Structures are given as C-alpha cells and as structure tokens.
Amino acid sequence: TTSTRAILFDKDGQVKAIEQQEFPQYYPQPGWTEHDPKEILQSAISCSESAMNKAGAKKDDIAGIGITNQRETTVAWDKVTGEPLCRAIVWLDLRTAE
C-alpha cells in the first residue's frame, strides 16, 4: 500500500470522480517498512475532498462512506490522546514474519 484512493458514486452507482494520492514509505532499518498514520489520514481527507470538488459535491450530498485497507498494516494508538504511538508497521516489514 503506497496510496489512498477515493471514489465518489452517484445515487445510481455511477462513478462521478476518482482521486488518488501517494504517501511516503519509511525504511528506518533494512527489512523494515513503515507508514506515518497521520499522513495516511491526511491523504484520505485530501482525496475525499478532491473527489467531491471534481464532482461538484458538498458534504451534505454524501449519504455514506466505505473504508477498506490492506488489513495487514498495524499501528498502536494512545487511548487517551488518540495519537499514534509510532509509525504503522506495513505488511512487507520483516518484523511481521516472526
């Protein structure tokens, strides 16, 4: 996973806008791969807003959203502050092989 994508559909299920934004990967040591959770969040917000702008949609026009991810990227969050405790460990990080 190296990007976020937003697709805006109309009420008939037709695609009205698609937006994609890359985000950086970090390699702090050989075999380690990480993402910054805040950068992922910002890219999701930015893609959503850009797709809405392309389609001429306003927030009130949105009836629902769906979110998915690779399901093998892990991050720990501080339950009090809501802030990430560290970068996300990505599926291809060799620490996941142990």
PDB file of N, CA and C in Angstrom:
ATOM      1  N   THR A   1       0.845  -1.179   0.000  1.00  0.00           N
ATOM      2  CA  THR A   1       0.000   0.000   0.000  1.00  0.00           C
ATOM      3  C   THR A   1       0.886   1.236   0.000  1.00  0.00           C
ATOM      4  N   THR A   2       0.728   2.063  -0.997  1.00  0.00           N
ATOM      5  CA  THR A   2       1.519   3.288  -1.073  1.00  0.00           C
ATOM      6  C   THR A   2       0.656   4.493  -1.418  1.00  0.00           C
ATOM      7  N   SER A   3      -0.671   4.294  -1.421  1.00  0.00           N
ATOM      8  CA  SER A   3      -1.528   5.420  -1.773  1.00  0.00           C
ATOM      9  C   SER A   3      -2.907   5.243  -1.153  1.00  0.00           C
ATOM     10  N   THR A   4      -3.642   6.344  -1.189  1.00  0.00           N
ATOM     11  CA  THR A   4      -5.042   6.381  -0.778  1.00  0.00           C
ATOM     12  C   THR A   4      -5.859   6.717  -2.014  1.00  0.00           C
ATOM     13  N   ARG A   5      -7.055   6.152  -2.089  1.00  0.00           N
ATOM     14  CA  ARG A   5      -7.930   6.411  -3.230  1.00  0.00           C
ATOM     15  C   ARG A   5      -9.333   6.716  -2.715  1.00  0.00           C
ATOM     16  N   ALA A   6      -9.995   7.647  -3.367  1.00  0.00           N
ATOM     17  CA  ALA A   6     -11.392   7.959  -3.071  1.00  0.00           C
ATOM     18  C   ALA A   6     -12.166   7.879  -4.383  1.00  0.00           C
ATOM     19  N   ILE A   7     -13.315   7.222  -4.327  1.00  0.00           N
ATOM     20  CA  ILE A   7     -14.198   7.124  -5.493  1.00  0.00           C
ATOM     21  C   ILE A   7     -15.573   7.622  -5.064  1.00  0.00           C
ATOM     22  N   LEU A   8     -16.110   8.559  -5.800  1.00  0.00           N
ATOM     23  CA  LEU A   8     -17.417   9.128  -5.490  1.00  0.00           C
ATOM     24  C   LEU A   8     -18.438   8.584  -6.495  1.00  0.00           C
ATOM     25  N   PHE A   9     -19.491   7.956  -5.952  1.00  0.00           N
ATOM     26  CA  PHE A   9     -20.566   7.403  -6.770  1.00  0.00           C
ATOM     27  C   PHE A   9     -21.824   8.258  -6.610  1.00  0.00           C
ATOM     28  N   ASP A  10     -22.627   8.297  -7.657  1.00  0.00           N
ATOM     29  CA  ASP A  10     -23.925   8.956  -7.518  1.00  0.00           C
ATOM     30  C   ASP A  10     -24.953   7.956  -6.995  1.00  0.00           C
ATOM     31  N   LYS A  11     -26.195   8.385  -6.836  1.00  0.00           N
ATOM     32  CA  LYS A  11     -27.230   7.525  -6.246  1.00  0.00           C
ATOM     33  C   LYS A  11     -27.556   6.315  -7.104  1.00  0.00           C
ATOM     34  N   ASP A  12     -27.148   6.346  -8.385  1.00  0.00           N
ATOM     35  CA  ASP A  12     -27.379   5.214  -9.278  1.00  0.00           C
ATOM     36  C   ASP A  12     -26.164   4.284  -9.378  1.00  0.00           C
ATOM     37  N   GLY A  13     -25.142   4.572  -8.575  1.00  0.00           N
ATOM     38  CA  GLY A  13     -23.951   3.733  -8.565  1.00  0.00           C
ATOM     39  C   GLY A  13     -22.941   4.050  -9.658  1.00  0.00           C
ATOM     40  N   GLN A  14     -23.130   5.158 -10.336  1.00  0.00           N
ATOM     41  CA  GLN A  14     -22.201   5.556 -11.384  1.00  0.00           C
ATOM     42  C   GLN A  14     -21.040   6.356 -10.786  1.00  0.00           C
ATOM     43  N   VAL A  15     -19.829   6.084 -11.253  1.00  0.00           N
ATOM     44  CA  VAL A  15     -18.645   6.797 -10.759  1.00  0.00           C
ATOM     45  C   VAL A  15     -18.694   8.239 -11.243  1.00  0.00           C
ATOM     46  N   LYS A  16     -18.576   9.162 -10.308  1.00  0.00           N
ATOM     47  CA  LYS A  16     -18.571  10.586 -10.629  1.00  0.00           C
ATOM     48  C   LYS A  16     -17.187  11.205 -10.511  1.00  0.00           C
ATOM     49  N   ALA A  17     -16.320  10.624  -9.663  1.00  0.00           N
ATOM     50  CA  ALA A  17     -14.967  11.159  -9.505  1.00  0.00           C
ATOM     51  C   ALA A  17     -14.084  10.102  -8.850  1.00  0.00           C
ATOM     52  N   ILE A  18     -12.823  10.105  -9.262  1.00  0.00           N
ATOM     53  CA  ILE A  18     -11.802   9.247  -8.658  1.00  0.00           C
ATOM     54  C   ILE A  18     -10.597  10.116  -8.337  1.00  0.00           C
ATOM     55  N   GLU A  19     -10.048   9.917  -7.174  1.00  0.00           N
ATOM     56  CA  GLU A  19      -8.850  10.668  -6.760  1.00  0.00           C
ATOM     57  C   GLU A  19      -7.906   9.685  -6.078  1.00  0.00           C
ATOM     58  N   GLN A  20      -6.611   9.856  -6.324  1.00  0.00           N
ATOM     59  CA  GLN A  20      -5.591   9.018  -5.691  1.00  0.00           C
ATOM     60  C   GLN A  20      -4.435   9.895  -5.257  1.00  0.00           C
ATOM     61  N   GLN A  21      -3.859   9.568  -4.095  1.00  0.00           N
ATOM     62  CA  GLN A  21      -2.724  10.323  -3.585  1.00  0.00           C
ATOM     63  C   GLN A  21      -1.725   9.358  -2.968  1.00  0.00           C
ATOM     64  N   GLU A  22      -0.497   9.449  -3.424  1.00  0.00           N
ATOM     65  CA  GLU A  22       0.590   8.643  -2.861  1.00  0.00           C
ATOM     66  C   GLU A  22       0.971   9.204  -1.485  1.00  0.00           C
ATOM     67  N   PHE A  23       1.451   8.310  -0.618  1.00  0.00           N
ATOM     68  CA  PHE A  23       2.051   8.757   0.631  1.00  0.00           C
ATOM     69  C   PHE A  23       3.368   8.013   0.821  1.00  0.00           C
ATOM     70  N   PRO A  24       4.298   8.600   1.581  1.00  0.00           N
ATOM     71  CA  PRO A  24       5.641   8.020   1.666  1.00  0.00           C
ATOM     72  C   PRO A  24       5.706   6.733   2.477  1.00  0.00           C
ATOM     73  N   GLN A  25       6.681   5.930   2.124  1.00  0.00           N
ATOM     74  CA  GLN A  25       7.054   4.772   2.928  1.00  0.00           C
ATOM     75  C   GLN A  25       8.390   5.109   3.587  1.00  0.00           C
ATOM     76  N   TYR A  26       8.580   4.568   4.762  1.00  0.00           N
ATOM     77  CA  TYR A  26       9.817   4.813   5.503  1.00  0.00           C
ATOM     78  C   TYR A  26      10.520   3.485   5.746  1.00  0.00           C
ATOM     79  N   TYR A  27      11.833   3.505   5.631  1.00  0.00           N
ATOM     80  CA  TYR A  27      12.658   2.318   5.811  1.00  0.00           C
ATOM     81  C   TYR A  27      13.727   2.619   6.865  1.00  0.00           C
ATOM     82  N   PRO A  28      13.365   2.600   8.151  1.00  0.00           N
ATOM     83  CA  PRO A  28      14.306   3.009   9.197  1.00  0.00           C
ATOM     84  C   PRO A  28      15.476   2.038   9.394  1.00  0.00           C
ATOM     85  N   GLN A  29      15.286   0.780   8.996  1.00  0.00           N
ATOM     86  CA  GLN A  29      16.348  -0.228   9.074  1.00  0.00           C
ATOM     87  C   GLN A  29      16.135  -1.191   7.919  1.00  0.00           C
ATOM     88  N   PRO A  30      17.168  -1.916   7.524  1.00  0.00           N
ATOM     89  CA  PRO A  30      16.966  -2.923   6.479  1.00  0.00           C
ATOM     90  C   PRO A  30      15.874  -3.917   6.885  1.00  0.00           C
ATOM     91  N   GLY A  31      14.925  -4.146   5.967  1.00  0.00           N
ATOM     92  CA  GLY A  31      13.844  -5.084   6.220  1.00  0.00           C
ATOM     93  C   GLY A  31      12.636  -4.487   6.912  1.00  0.00           C
ATOM     94  N   TRP A  32      12.723  -3.245   7.332  1.00  0.00           N
ATOM     95  CA  TRP A  32      11.595  -2.590   7.999  1.00  0.00           C
ATOM     96  C   TRP A  32      10.900  -1.663   7.001  1.00  0.00           C
ATOM     97  N   THR A  33       9.573  -1.642   7.043  1.00  0.00           N
ATOM     98  CA  THR A  33       8.788  -0.730   6.208  1.00  0.00           C
ATOM     99  C   THR A  33       7.679  -0.143   7.070  1.00  0.00           C
ATOM    100  N   GLU A  34       7.587   1.181   7.073  1.00  0.00           N
ATOM    101  CA  GLU A  34       6.616   1.866   7.937  1.00  0.00           C
ATOM    102  C   GLU A  34       5.881   2.961   7.171  1.00  0.00           C
ATOM    103  N   HIS A  35       4.693   3.295   7.649  1.00  0.00           N
ATOM    104  CA  HIS A  35       3.916   4.443   7.171  1.00  0.00           C
ATOM    105  C   HIS A  35       3.587   5.320   8.362  1.00  0.00           C
ATOM    106  N   ASP A  36       3.441   6.604   8.112  1.00  0.00           N
ATOM    107  CA  ASP A  36       3.029   7.548   9.153  1.00  0.00           C
ATOM    108  C   ASP A  36       1.499   7.594   9.175  1.00  0.00           C
ATOM    109  N   PRO A  37       0.861   7.179  10.284  1.00  0.00           N
ATOM    110  CA  PRO A  37      -0.607   7.163  10.343  1.00  0.00           C
ATOM    111  C   PRO A  37      -1.243   8.522  10.063  1.00  0.00           C
ATOM    112  N   LYS A  38      -0.598   9.591  10.494  1.00  0.00           N
ATOM    113  CA  LYS A  38      -1.158  10.923  10.251  1.00  0.00           C
ATOM    114  C   LYS A  38      -1.108  11.283   8.768  1.00  0.00           C
ATOM    115  N   GLU A  39      -0.074  10.819   8.066  1.00  0.00           N
ATOM    116  CA  GLU A  39      -0.005  11.057   6.619  1.00  0.00           C
ATOM    117  C   GLU A  39      -1.082  10.263   5.887  1.00  0.00           C
ATOM    118  N   ILE A  40      -1.367   9.047   6.349  1.00  0.00           N
ATOM    119  CA  ILE A  40      -2.450   8.261   5.748  1.00  0.00           C
ATOM    120  C   ILE A  40      -3.785   8.971   5.949  1.00  0.00           C
ATOM    121  N   LEU A  41      -4.044   9.433   7.170  1.00  0.00           N
ATOM    122  CA  LEU A  41      -5.285  10.150   7.452  1.00  0.00           C
ATOM    123  C   LEU A  41      -5.402  11.399   6.587  1.00  0.00           C
ATOM    124  N   GLN A  42      -4.329  12.173   6.500  1.00  0.00           N
ATOM    125  CA  GLN A  42      -4.372  13.397   5.709  1.00  0.00           C
ATOM    126  C   GLN A  42      -4.621  13.099   4.238  1.00  0.00           C
ATOM    127  N   SER A  43      -4.020  12.010   3.723  1.00  0.00           N
ATOM    128  CA  SER A  43      -4.242  11.665   2.319  1.00  0.00           C
ATOM    129  C   SER A  43      -5.689  11.221   2.090  1.00  0.00           C
ATOM    130  N   ALA A  44      -6.300  10.551   3.058  1.00  0.00           N
ATOM    131  CA  ALA A  44      -7.704  10.145   2.930  1.00  0.00           C
ATOM    132  C   ALA A  44      -8.621  11.370   2.896  1.00  0.00           C
ATOM    133  N   ILE A  45      -8.342  12.322   3.758  1.00  0.00           N
ATOM    134  CA  ILE A  45      -9.131  13.562   3.775  1.00  0.00           C
ATOM    135  C   ILE A  45      -8.953  14.321   2.469  1.00  0.00           C
ATOM    136  N   SER A  46      -7.711  14.464   2.034  1.00  0.00           N
ATOM    137  CA  SER A  46      -7.412  15.204   0.812  1.00  0.00           C
ATOM    138  C   SER A  46      -8.046  14.554  -0.416  1.00  0.00           C
ATOM    139  N   CYS A  47      -7.942  13.226  -0.521  1.00  0.00           N
ATOM    140  CA  CYS A  47      -8.559  12.519  -1.657  1.00  0.00           C
ATOM    141  C   CYS A  47     -10.070  12.687  -1.656  1.00  0.00           C
ATOM    142  N   SER A  48     -10.681  12.570  -0.490  1.00  0.00           N
ATOM    143  CA  SER A  48     -12.135  12.711  -0.393  1.00  0.00           C
ATOM    144  C   SER A  48     -12.572  14.104  -0.814  1.00  0.00           C
ATOM    145  N   GLU A  49     -11.881  15.111  -0.311  1.00  0.00           N
ATOM    146  CA  GLU A  49     -12.235  16.493  -0.654  1.00  0.00           C
ATOM    147  C   GLU A  49     -12.022  16.754  -2.144  1.00  0.00           C
ATOM    148  N   SER A  50     -10.935  16.229  -2.705  1.00  0.00           N
ATOM    149  CA  SER A  50     -10.670  16.438  -4.134  1.00  0.00           C
ATOM    150  C   SER A  50     -11.718  15.754  -5.003  1.00  0.00           C
ATOM    151  N   ALA A  51     -12.111  14.537  -4.632  1.00  0.00           N
ATOM    152  CA  ALA A  51     -13.154  13.837  -5.390  1.00  0.00           C
ATOM    153  C   ALA A  51     -14.469  14.608  -5.324  1.00  0.00           C
ATOM    154  N   MET A  52     -14.800  15.119  -4.152  1.00  0.00           N
ATOM    155  CA  MET A  52     -16.025  15.907  -4.013  1.00  0.00           C
ATOM    156  C   MET A  52     -15.962  17.168  -4.880  1.00  0.00           C
ATOM    157  N   ASN A  53     -14.803  17.830  -4.879  1.00  0.00           N
ATOM    158  CA  ASN A  53     -14.648  19.036  -5.701  1.00  0.00           C
ATOM    159  C   ASN A  53     -14.791  18.716  -7.183  1.00  0.00           C
ATOM    160  N   LYS A  54     -14.173  17.613  -7.631  1.00  0.00           N
ATOM    161  CA  LYS A  54     -14.271  17.222  -9.041  1.00  0.00           C
ATOM    162  C   LYS A  54     -15.725  16.992  -9.453  1.00  0.00           C
ATOM    163  N   ALA A  55     -16.508  16.396  -8.550  1.00  0.00           N
ATOM    164  CA  ALA A  55     -17.903  16.071  -8.855  1.00  0.00           C
ATOM    165  C   ALA A  55     -18.850  17.222  -8.541  1.00  0.00           C
ATOM    166  N   GLY A  56     -18.342  18.279  -7.928  1.00  0.00           N
ATOM    167  CA  GLY A  56     -19.210  19.388  -7.531  1.00  0.00           C
ATOM    168  C   GLY A  56     -20.103  19.035  -6.365  1.00  0.00           C
ATOM    169  N   ALA A  57     -19.666  18.101  -5.536  1.00  0.00           N
ATOM    170  CA  ALA A  57     -20.471  17.637  -4.398  1.00  0.00           C
ATOM    171  C   ALA A  57     -20.118  18.409  -3.132  1.00  0.00           C
ATOM    172  N   LYS A  58     -21.088  18.543  -2.278  1.00  0.00           N
ATOM    173  CA  LYS A  58     -20.918  19.157  -0.949  1.00  0.00           C
ATOM    174  C   LYS A  58     -21.033  18.063   0.110  1.00  0.00           C
ATOM    175  N   LYS A  59     -20.609  18.358   1.321  1.00  0.00           N
ATOM    176  CA  LYS A  59     -20.685  17.365   2.400  1.00  0.00           C
ATOM    177  C   LYS A  59     -22.107  16.853   2.604  1.00  0.00           C
ATOM    178  N   ASP A  60     -23.090  17.726   2.464  1.00  0.00           N
ATOM    179  CA  ASP A  60     -24.489  17.320   2.645  1.00  0.00           C
ATOM    180  C   ASP A  60     -24.977  16.362   1.556  1.00  0.00           C
ATOM    181  N   ASP A  61     -24.234  16.285   0.437  1.00  0.00           N
ATOM    182  CA  ASP A  61     -24.614  15.379  -0.651  1.00  0.00           C
ATOM    183  C   ASP A  61     -24.189  13.938  -0.381  1.00  0.00           C
ATOM    184  N   ILE A  62     -23.317  13.733   0.583  1.00  0.00           N
ATOM    185  CA  ILE A  62     -22.760  12.404   0.844  1.00  0.00           C
ATOM    186  C   ILE A  62     -23.713  11.621   1.748  1.00  0.00           C
ATOM    187  N   ALA A  63     -24.170  10.460   1.245  1.00  0.00           N
ATOM    188  CA  ALA A  63     -25.106   9.623   2.001  1.00  0.00           C
ATOM    189  C   ALA A  63     -24.387   8.571   2.843  1.00  0.00           C
ATOM    190  N   GLY A  64     -23.169   8.205   2.460  1.00  0.00           N
ATOM    191  CA  GLY A  64     -22.435   7.183   3.209  1.00  0.00           C
ATOM    192  C   GLY A  64     -21.023   7.052   2.675  1.00  0.00           C
ATOM    193  N   ILE A  65     -20.183   6.370   3.442  1.00  0.00           N
ATOM    194  CA  ILE A  65     -18.811   6.121   3.009  1.00  0.00           C
ATOM    195  C   ILE A  65     -18.457   4.661   3.306  1.00  0.00           C
ATOM    196  N   GLY A  66     -17.483   4.154   2.585  1.00  0.00           N
ATOM    197  CA  GLY A  66     -16.922   2.837   2.850  1.00  0.00           C
ATOM    198  C   GLY A  66     -15.416   2.981   2.947  1.00  0.00           C
ATOM    199  N   ILE A  67     -14.824   2.291   3.874  1.00  0.00           N
ATOM    200  CA  ILE A  67     -13.375   2.373   4.073  1.00  0.00           C
ATOM    201  C   ILE A  67     -12.816   0.958   4.105  1.00  0.00           C
ATOM    202  N   THR A  68     -11.720   0.758   3.402  1.00  0.00           N
ATOM    203  CA  THR A  68     -11.005  -0.508   3.486  1.00  0.00           C
ATOM    204  C   THR A  68      -9.508  -0.208   3.514  1.00  0.00           C
ATOM    205  N   ASN A  69      -8.752  -1.167   3.958  1.00  0.00           N
ATOM    206  CA  ASN A  69      -7.301  -1.041   3.916  1.00  0.00           C
ATOM    207  C   ASN A  69      -6.714  -2.403   3.603  1.00  0.00           C
ATOM    208  N   GLN A  70      -5.426  -2.507   3.656  1.00  0.00           N
ATOM    209  CA  GLN A  70      -4.768  -3.753   3.294  1.00  0.00           C
ATOM    210  C   GLN A  70      -4.954  -4.834   4.363  1.00  0.00           C
ATOM    211  N   ARG A  71      -5.392  -4.449   5.528  1.00  0.00           N
ATOM    212  CA  ARG A  71      -5.702  -5.350   6.640  1.00  0.00           C
ATOM    213  C   ARG A  71      -4.486  -6.005   7.267  1.00  0.00           C
ATOM    214  N   GLU A  72      -3.310  -5.695   6.822  1.00  0.00           N
ATOM    215  CA  GLU A  72      -2.115  -6.277   7.427  1.00  0.00           C
ATOM    216  C   GLU A  72      -1.129  -5.214   7.872  1.00  0.00           C
ATOM    217  N   THR A  73      -1.571  -3.980   7.946  1.00  0.00           N
ATOM    218  CA  THR A  73      -0.756  -2.896   8.460  1.00  0.00           C
ATOM    219  C   THR A  73      -1.228  -2.605   9.875  1.00  0.00           C
ATOM    220  N   THR A  74      -0.284  -2.431  10.803  1.00  0.00           N
ATOM    221  CA  THR A  74      -0.630  -2.309  12.213  1.00  0.00           C
ATOM    222  C   THR A  74      -0.063  -1.024  12.805  1.00  0.00           C
ATOM    223  N   VAL A  75      -0.880  -0.369  13.629  1.00  0.00           N
ATOM    224  CA  VAL A  75      -0.424   0.807  14.365  1.00  0.00           C
ATOM    225  C   VAL A  75      -1.076   0.791  15.739  1.00  0.00           C
ATOM    226  N   ALA A  76      -0.358   1.283  16.723  1.00  0.00           N
ATOM    227  CA  ALA A  76      -0.899   1.387  18.089  1.00  0.00           C
ATOM    228  C   ALA A  76      -1.231   2.851  18.367  1.00  0.00           C
ATOM    229  N   TRP A  77      -2.393   3.079  19.014  1.00  0.00           N
ATOM    230  CA  TRP A  77      -2.876   4.429  19.301  1.00  0.00           C
ATOM    231  C   TRP A  77      -2.932   4.640  20.808  1.00  0.00           C
ATOM    232  N   ASP A  78      -2.675   5.849  21.242  1.00  0.00           N
ATOM    233  CA  ASP A  78      -2.835   6.214  22.651  1.00  0.00           C
ATOM    234  C   ASP A  78      -4.330   6.379  22.915  1.00  0.00           C
ATOM    235  N   LYS A  79      -4.868   5.614  23.856  1.00  0.00           N
ATOM    236  CA  LYS A  79      -6.319   5.649  24.071  1.00  0.00           C
ATOM    237  C   LYS A  79      -6.798   6.955  24.704  1.00  0.00           C
ATOM    238  N   VAL A  80      -5.902   7.705  25.320  1.00  0.00           N
ATOM    239  CA  VAL A  80      -6.285   8.979  25.932  1.00  0.00           C
ATOM    240  C   VAL A  80      -6.221  10.119  24.919  1.00  0.00           C
ATOM    241  N   THR A  81      -5.106  10.212  24.190  1.00  0.00           N
ATOM    242  CA  THR A  81      -4.912  11.336  23.270  1.00  0.00           C
ATOM    243  C   THR A  81      -5.414  11.059  21.859  1.00  0.00           C
ATOM    244  N   GLY A  82      -5.544   9.770  21.508  1.00  0.00           N
ATOM    245  CA  GLY A  82      -5.923   9.425  20.152  1.00  0.00           C
ATOM    246  C   GLY A  82      -4.778   9.540  19.157  1.00  0.00           C
ATOM    247  N   GLU A  83      -3.595   9.829  19.645  1.00  0.00           N
ATOM    248  CA  GLU A  83      -2.415   9.982  18.787  1.00  0.00           C
ATOM    249  C   GLU A  83      -1.748   8.625  18.564  1.00  0.00           C
ATOM    250  N   PRO A  84      -1.140   8.419  17.389  1.00  0.00           N
ATOM    251  CA  PRO A  84      -0.401   7.176  17.172  1.00  0.00           C
ATOM    252  C   PRO A  84       0.842   7.139  18.068  1.00  0.00           C
ATOM    253  N   LEU A  85       1.150   5.953  18.578  1.00  0.00           N
ATOM    254  CA  LEU A  85       2.333   5.796  19.423  1.00  0.00           C
ATOM    255  C   LEU A  85       3.604   5.659  18.592  1.00  0.00           C
ATOM    256  N   CYS A  86       3.446   5.275  17.346  1.00  0.00           N
ATOM    257  CA  CYS A  86       4.595   5.075  16.464  1.00  0.00           C
ATOM    258  C   CYS A  86       4.072   5.024  15.030  1.00  0.00           C
ATOM    259  N   ARG A  87       4.985   4.854  14.095  1.00  0.00           N
ATOM    260  CA  ARG A  87       4.560   4.649  12.716  1.00  0.00           C
ATOM    261  C   ARG A  87       3.900   3.282  12.578  1.00  0.00           C
ATOM    262  N   ALA A  88       3.099   3.143  11.544  1.00  0.00           N
ATOM    263  CA  ALA A  88       2.446   1.864  11.246  1.00  0.00           C
ATOM    264  C   ALA A  88       3.476   0.886  10.686  1.00  0.00           C
ATOM    265  N   ILE A  89       3.386  -0.365  11.109  1.00  0.00           N
ATOM    266  CA  ILE A  89       4.224  -1.425  10.560  1.00  0.00           C
ATOM    267  C   ILE A  89       3.463  -2.025   9.372  1.00  0.00           C
ATOM    268  N   VAL A  90       4.084  -1.984   8.207  1.00  0.00           N
ATOM    269  CA  VAL A  90       3.450  -2.372   6.955  1.00  0.00           C
ATOM    270  C   VAL A  90       3.632  -3.869   6.720  1.00  0.00           C
ATOM    271  N   TRP A  91       2.714  -4.465   5.977  1.00  0.00           N
ATOM    272  CA  TRP A  91       2.697  -5.911   5.754  1.00  0.00           C
ATOM    273  C   TRP A  91       4.026  -6.473   5.266  1.00  0.00           C
ATOM    274  N   LEU A  92       4.782  -5.730   4.459  1.00  0.00           N
ATOM    275  CA  LEU A  92       6.019  -6.303   3.947  1.00  0.00           C
ATOM    276  C   LEU A  92       7.205  -6.123   4.888  1.00  0.00           C
ATOM    277  N   ASP A  93       6.985  -5.496   6.038  1.00  0.00           N
ATOM    278  CA  ASP A  93       8.015  -5.351   7.067  1.00  0.00           C
ATOM    279  C   ASP A  93       8.391  -6.741   7.579  1.00  0.00           C
ATOM    280  N   LEU A  94       9.672  -7.028   7.633  1.00  0.00           N
ATOM    281  CA  LEU A  94      10.123  -8.364   8.043  1.00  0.00           C
ATOM    282  C   LEU A  94       9.822  -8.668   9.508  1.00  0.00           C
ATOM    283  N   ARG A  95       9.482  -7.663  10.305  1.00  0.00           N
ATOM    284  CA  ARG A  95       9.090  -7.938  11.693  1.00  0.00           C
ATOM    285  C   ARG A  95       7.794  -8.721  11.754  1.00  0.00           C
ATOM    286  N   THR A  96       7.011  -8.680  10.692  1.00  0.00           N
ATOM    287  CA  THR A  96       5.749  -9.442  10.679  1.00  0.00           C
ATOM    288  C   THR A  96       5.966 -10.908  10.373  1.00  0.00           C
ATOM    289  N   ALA A  97       7.159 -11.283   9.970  1.00  0.00           N
ATOM    290  CA  ALA A  97       7.436 -12.680   9.626  1.00  0.00           C
ATOM    291  C   ALA A  97       7.728 -13.547  10.842  1.00  0.00           C
ATOM    292  N   GLU A  98       7.980 -12.920  11.969  1.00  0.00           N
ATOM    293  CA  GLU A  98       8.353 -13.692  13.164  1.00  0.00           C
ATOM    294  C   GLU A  98       7.159 -14.209  13.915  1.00  0.00           C
TER     295      GLU A  98
END
